[in-house]
Amino acid sequence: MDLCFAPGREALSSYRLRDNVPPVKALCTVARDPDGTLAAAIRYWPVMVGEHPALLLGPIAVHPTRQGEGLGAFLIVESMAEALREGWRRVLLVGDAPYYRRFGFAKLPDVTMPPPTNPDRVLGHELVDQAWAGVTGQVRKWTADAAGPSDPSRPAQGKD
């Protein structure tokens, strides 16, 4: 991660949403070269948007020597397919719309990340049709009280 991201990234609001929350292990994966060298990694974290569970994608990182080979795209597509199989309905990230648009992400004008986040970079993807319809409000940390289960390996039952 240090090779791929600027210093100070831990100060971003997305990191505060991850503090003391376990990642969704079934969706976190790495790509390694045949010799075992780490080439790319993707992580997902559970969050709440209003009263609705969502996945926060990130970080996703590709080693600088492997960028441009499609590893990041492969990890995004495969992990979102697995998220659907695991019962998740929606994915959220903070990123560049021109890049993530090709994966089906679009700006979420009614979803607010904690500051300091540029609202134009708050993007969502529907794993099922209309998954973001009517989902509005502040993105907040996943908690057992907010979401139901204390194990975020699956979305809260009965929440949508």
C-alpha atoms as a PDB file:
ATOM      1  CA  MET A   1       0.000   0.000   0.000  1.00  0.00           C
ATOM      2  CA  ASP A   2       2.864   2.366   0.760  1.00  0.00           C
ATOM      3  CA  LEU A   3       4.132   1.998  -2.823  1.00  0.00           C
ATOM      4  CA  CYS A   4       0.724   2.824  -4.287  1.00  0.00           C
ATOM      5  CA  PHE A   5      -0.654   5.607  -2.095  1.00  0.00           C
ATOM      6  CA  ALA A   6       0.520   8.961  -0.843  1.00  0.00           C
ATOM      7  CA  PRO A   7       1.678   9.457   2.729  1.00  0.00           C
ATOM      8  CA  GLY A   8      -1.057  10.593   5.063  1.00  0.00           C
ATOM      9  CA  ARG A   9      -3.746   8.418   3.504  1.00  0.00           C
ATOM     10  CA  GLU A  10      -4.695   7.138   6.964  1.00  0.00           C
ATOM     11  CA  ALA A  11      -6.140  10.592   7.705  1.00  0.00           C
ATOM     12  CA  LEU A  12      -8.914  10.090   5.134  1.00  0.00           C
ATOM     13  CA  SER A  13     -12.467   9.555   6.335  1.00  0.00           C
ATOM     14  CA  SER A  14     -12.667   6.113   4.741  1.00  0.00           C
ATOM     15  CA  TYR A  15      -9.972   4.966   7.166  1.00  0.00           C
ATOM     16  CA  ARG A  16     -12.049   6.148  10.135  1.00  0.00           C
ATOM     17  CA  LEU A  17     -14.934   3.996   8.888  1.00  0.00           C
ATOM     18  CA  ARG A  18     -12.582   0.987   8.961  1.00  0.00           C
ATOM     19  CA  ASP A  19     -11.156   1.577  12.446  1.00  0.00           C
ATOM     20  CA  ASN A  20     -11.846  -1.443  14.673  1.00  0.00           C
ATOM     21  CA  VAL A  21     -14.138  -3.003  12.064  1.00  0.00           C
ATOM     22  CA  PRO A  22     -13.067  -6.298  10.536  1.00  0.00           C
ATOM     23  CA  PRO A  23     -12.918  -6.440   6.739  1.00  0.00           C
ATOM     24  CA  VAL A  24     -15.264  -8.737   4.834  1.00  0.00           C
ATOM     25  CA  LYS A  25     -12.784 -11.595   4.540  1.00  0.00           C
ATOM     26  CA  ALA A  26     -14.615 -13.450   1.772  1.00  0.00           C
ATOM     27  CA  LEU A  27     -14.102 -10.456  -0.525  1.00  0.00           C
ATOM     28  CA  CYS A  28     -10.559  -9.463   0.379  1.00  0.00           C
ATOM     29  CA  THR A  29      -8.009 -11.028  -1.893  1.00  0.00           C
ATOM     30  CA  VAL A  30      -4.578 -10.655  -3.397  1.00  0.00           C
ATOM     31  CA  ALA A  31      -2.958 -11.513  -6.721  1.00  0.00           C
ATOM     32  CA  ARG A  32       0.552 -12.932  -6.609  1.00  0.00           C
ATOM     33  CA  ASP A  33       3.141 -13.565  -9.273  1.00  0.00           C
ATOM     34  CA  PRO A  34       4.180 -17.205  -9.791  1.00  0.00           C
ATOM     35  CA  ASP A  35       7.149 -16.615  -7.474  1.00  0.00           C
ATOM     36  CA  GLY A  36       4.804 -15.413  -4.709  1.00  0.00           C
ATOM     37  CA  THR A  37       5.495 -11.688  -5.080  1.00  0.00           C
ATOM     38  CA  LEU A  38       2.474  -9.592  -4.193  1.00  0.00           C
ATOM     39  CA  ALA A  39       1.106  -7.972  -7.364  1.00  0.00           C
ATOM     40  CA  ALA A  40      -2.268  -6.537  -6.275  1.00  0.00           C
ATOM     41  CA  ALA A  41      -4.723  -6.471  -3.374  1.00  0.00           C
ATOM     42  CA  ILE A  42      -8.339  -5.478  -2.799  1.00  0.00           C
ATOM     43  CA  ARG A  43     -10.240  -5.000   0.453  1.00  0.00           C
ATOM     44  CA  TYR A  44     -13.884  -4.465   1.404  1.00  0.00           C
ATOM     45  CA  TRP A  45     -15.357  -3.177   4.642  1.00  0.00           C
ATOM     46  CA  PRO A  46     -18.959  -3.130   5.804  1.00  0.00           C
ATOM     47  CA  VAL A  47     -20.558   0.269   6.385  1.00  0.00           C
ATOM     48  CA  MET A  48     -24.039   1.636   6.891  1.00  0.00           C
ATOM     49  CA  VAL A  49     -25.656   4.264   4.670  1.00  0.00           C
ATOM     50  CA  GLY A  50     -28.630   5.507   6.611  1.00  0.00           C
ATOM     51  CA  GLU A  51     -30.218   2.228   7.703  1.00  0.00           C
ATOM     52  CA  HIS A  52     -28.844   0.186   4.810  1.00  0.00           C
ATOM     53  CA  PRO A  53     -25.745  -2.025   4.760  1.00  0.00           C
ATOM     54  CA  ALA A  54     -23.212  -1.449   2.010  1.00  0.00           C
ATOM     55  CA  LEU A  55     -19.700  -2.478   1.129  1.00  0.00           C
ATOM     56  CA  LEU A  56     -16.928   0.098   1.148  1.00  0.00           C
ATOM     57  CA  LEU A  57     -14.444  -0.935  -1.541  1.00  0.00           C
ATOM     58  CA  GLY A  58     -10.892  -0.007  -0.799  1.00  0.00           C
ATOM     59  CA  PRO A  59      -8.151   0.124  -0.748  1.00  0.00           C
ATOM     60  CA  ILE A  60      -7.343  -1.501  -4.040  1.00  0.00           C
ATOM     61  CA  ALA A  61      -3.687  -1.424  -4.948  1.00  0.00           C
ATOM     62  CA  VAL A  62      -1.582  -2.746  -7.802  1.00  0.00           C
ATOM     63  CA  HIS A  63       2.183  -2.869  -7.473  1.00  0.00           C
ATOM     64  CA  PRO A  64       3.716  -0.108  -9.618  1.00  0.00           C
ATOM     65  CA  THR A  65       5.582  -2.649 -11.772  1.00  0.00           C
ATOM     66  CA  ARG A  66       2.293  -4.422 -12.593  1.00  0.00           C
ATOM     67  CA  GLN A  67       0.024  -1.432 -13.234  1.00  0.00           C
ATOM     68  CA  GLY A  68      -1.668  -1.305 -16.620  1.00  0.00           C
ATOM     69  CA  GLU A  69      -1.965  -5.092 -16.904  1.00  0.00           C
ATOM     70  CA  GLY A  70      -5.610  -5.314 -15.836  1.00  0.00           C
ATOM     71  CA  LEU A  71      -5.017  -6.818 -12.393  1.00  0.00           C
ATOM     72  CA  GLY A  72      -7.008  -4.124 -10.620  1.00  0.00           C
ATOM     73  CA  ALA A  73      -9.919  -4.479 -13.037  1.00  0.00           C
ATOM     74  CA  PHE A  74      -9.849  -8.249 -12.625  1.00  0.00           C
ATOM     75  CA  LEU A  75      -9.951  -7.969  -8.825  1.00  0.00           C
ATOM     76  CA  ILE A  76     -12.820  -5.460  -8.932  1.00  0.00           C
ATOM     77  CA  VAL A  77     -14.983  -7.524 -11.297  1.00  0.00           C
ATOM     78  CA  GLU A  78     -14.348 -10.848  -9.577  1.00  0.00           C
ATOM     79  CA  SER A  79     -14.780  -9.530  -6.053  1.00  0.00           C
ATOM     80  CA  MET A  80     -18.035  -7.741  -6.881  1.00  0.00           C
ATOM     81  CA  ALA A  81     -19.380 -10.966  -8.403  1.00  0.00           C
ATOM     82  CA  GLU A  82     -18.474 -12.723  -5.151  1.00  0.00           C
ATOM     83  CA  ALA A  83     -20.117  -9.936  -3.129  1.00  0.00           C
ATOM     84  CA  LEU A  84     -23.363 -10.587  -4.995  1.00  0.00           C
ATOM     85  CA  ARG A  85     -23.081 -14.319  -4.282  1.00  0.00           C
ATOM     86  CA  GLU A  86     -22.511 -13.462  -0.616  1.00  0.00           C
ATOM     87  CA  GLY A  87     -25.773 -11.514  -0.514  1.00  0.00           C
ATOM     88  CA  TRP A  88     -24.555  -7.923  -0.688  1.00  0.00           C
ATOM     89  CA  ARG A  89     -26.635  -5.452  -2.717  1.00  0.00           C
ATOM     90  CA  ARG A  90     -24.521  -2.308  -3.083  1.00  0.00           C
ATOM     91  CA  VAL A  91     -20.907  -1.135  -3.159  1.00  0.00           C
ATOM     92  CA  LEU A  92     -19.563   2.307  -2.260  1.00  0.00           C
ATOM     93  CA  LEU A  93     -16.155   3.814  -2.876  1.00  0.00           C
ATOM     94  CA  VAL A  94     -14.365   7.128  -2.929  1.00  0.00           C
ATOM     95  CA  GLY A  95     -12.560   7.503  -6.226  1.00  0.00           C
ATOM     96  CA  ASP A  96     -12.277   8.939  -9.710  1.00  0.00           C
ATOM     97  CA  ALA A  97     -15.559   8.619 -11.614  1.00  0.00           C
ATOM     98  CA  PRO A  98     -13.909   8.422 -15.067  1.00  0.00           C
ATOM     99  CA  TYR A  99     -11.948   5.328 -13.986  1.00  0.00           C
ATOM    100  CA  TYR A 100     -14.659   3.528 -12.002  1.00  0.00           C
ATOM    101  CA  ARG A 101     -17.496   4.262 -14.449  1.00  0.00           C
ATOM    102  CA  ARG A 102     -16.424   1.273 -16.555  1.00  0.00           C
ATOM    103  CA  PHE A 103     -17.286  -0.992 -13.613  1.00  0.00           C
ATOM    104  CA  GLY A 104     -20.762   0.509 -13.259  1.00  0.00           C
ATOM    105  CA  PHE A 105     -20.010   3.066 -10.551  1.00  0.00           C
ATOM    106  CA  ALA A 106     -21.808   6.405 -10.588  1.00  0.00           C
ATOM    107  CA  LYS A 107     -21.918   9.458  -8.340  1.00  0.00           C
ATOM    108  CA  LEU A 108     -24.174   9.105  -5.291  1.00  0.00           C
ATOM    109  CA  PRO A 109     -25.563  12.623  -4.816  1.00  0.00           C
ATOM    110  CA  ASP A 110     -27.672  11.671  -1.787  1.00  0.00           C
ATOM    111  CA  VAL A 111     -24.954   9.784   0.090  1.00  0.00           C
ATOM    112  CA  THR A 112     -22.544  11.747   2.283  1.00  0.00           C
ATOM    113  CA  MET A 113     -19.139  10.563   3.428  1.00  0.00           C
ATOM    114  CA  PRO A 114     -17.692  12.085   6.585  1.00  0.00           C
ATOM    115  CA  PRO A 115     -15.438  15.087   5.896  1.00  0.00           C
ATOM    116  CA  PRO A 116     -13.034  15.758   4.365  1.00  0.00           C
ATOM    117  CA  THR A 117     -14.401  13.927   1.306  1.00  0.00           C
ATOM    118  CA  ASN A 118     -15.103  15.532  -2.040  1.00  0.00           C
ATOM    119  CA  PRO A 119     -18.784  14.694  -2.748  1.00  0.00           C
ATOM    120  CA  ASP A 120     -18.010  14.246  -6.456  1.00  0.00           C
ATOM    121  CA  ARG A 121     -15.828  11.257  -5.546  1.00  0.00           C
ATOM    122  CA  VAL A 122     -18.525   9.362  -3.618  1.00  0.00           C
ATOM    123  CA  LEU A 123     -19.492   6.606  -6.048  1.00  0.00           C
ATOM    124  CA  GLY A 124     -21.801   3.620  -5.873  1.00  0.00           C
ATOM    125  CA  HIS A 125     -22.445   0.429  -7.788  1.00  0.00           C
ATOM    126  CA  GLU A 126     -25.611  -1.657  -7.683  1.00  0.00           C
ATOM    127  CA  LEU A 127     -25.032  -5.383  -7.438  1.00  0.00           C
ATOM    128  CA  VAL A 128     -28.795  -5.828  -7.870  1.00  0.00           C
ATOM    129  CA  ASP A 129     -31.176  -3.531  -9.757  1.00  0.00           C
ATOM    130  CA  GLN A 130     -32.295  -0.439  -7.840  1.00  0.00           C
ATOM    131  CA  ALA A 131     -30.088  -1.276  -4.833  1.00  0.00           C
ATOM    132  CA  TRP A 132     -29.255   2.419  -4.302  1.00  0.00           C
ATOM    133  CA  ALA A 133     -32.859   3.596  -4.890  1.00  0.00           C
ATOM    134  CA  GLY A 134     -34.026   5.398  -1.765  1.00  0.00           C
ATOM    135  CA  VAL A 135     -30.701   4.887   0.022  1.00  0.00           C
ATOM    136  CA  THR A 136     -29.645   8.276   1.330  1.00  0.00           C
ATOM    137  CA  GLY A 137     -27.779   9.790   4.200  1.00  0.00           C
ATOM    138  CA  GLN A 138     -24.501   9.692   6.009  1.00  0.00           C
ATOM    139  CA  VAL A 139     -22.068   6.819   5.603  1.00  0.00           C
ATOM    140  CA  ARG A 140     -21.262   5.558   9.064  1.00  0.00           C
ATOM    141  CA  LYS A 141     -19.246   2.891  10.734  1.00  0.00           C
ATOM    142  CA  TRP A 142     -20.601  -0.650  10.830  1.00  0.00           C
ATOM    143  CA  THR A 143     -21.600  -1.731  14.295  1.00  0.00           C
ATOM    144  CA  ALA A 144     -23.583  -4.679  15.601  1.00  0.00           C
ATOM    145  CA  ASP A 145     -26.200  -2.238  16.933  1.00  0.00           C
ATOM    146  CA  ALA A 146     -26.517  -0.476  13.580  1.00  0.00           C
ATOM    147  CA  ALA A 147     -26.526  -3.486  11.318  1.00  0.00           C
ATOM    148  CA  GLY A 148     -27.659  -6.525  13.221  1.00  0.00           C
ATOM    149  CA  PRO A 149     -24.944  -9.180  13.118  1.00  0.00           C
ATOM    150  CA  SER A 150     -21.610  -8.566  14.776  1.00  0.00           C
ATOM    151  CA  ASP A 151     -19.950 -10.594  12.010  1.00  0.00           C
ATOM    152  CA  PRO A 152     -19.897  -8.448   8.880  1.00  0.00           C
ATOM    153  CA  SER A 153     -19.191 -11.375   6.579  1.00  0.00           C
ATOM    154  CA  ARG A 154     -22.774 -11.007   5.350  1.00  0.00           C
ATOM    155  CA  PRO A 155     -25.129  -8.040   5.211  1.00  0.00           C
ATOM    156  CA  ALA A 156     -27.708  -7.604   7.929  1.00  0.00           C
ATOM    157  CA  GLN A 157     -30.695  -9.851   7.462  1.00  0.00           C
ATOM    158  CA  GLY A 158     -33.993  -8.125   6.889  1.00  0.00           C
ATOM    159  CA  LYS A 159     -32.446  -4.723   6.174  1.00  0.00           C
ATOM    160  CA  ASP A 160     -33.303  -4.840   2.473  1.00  0.00           C
END
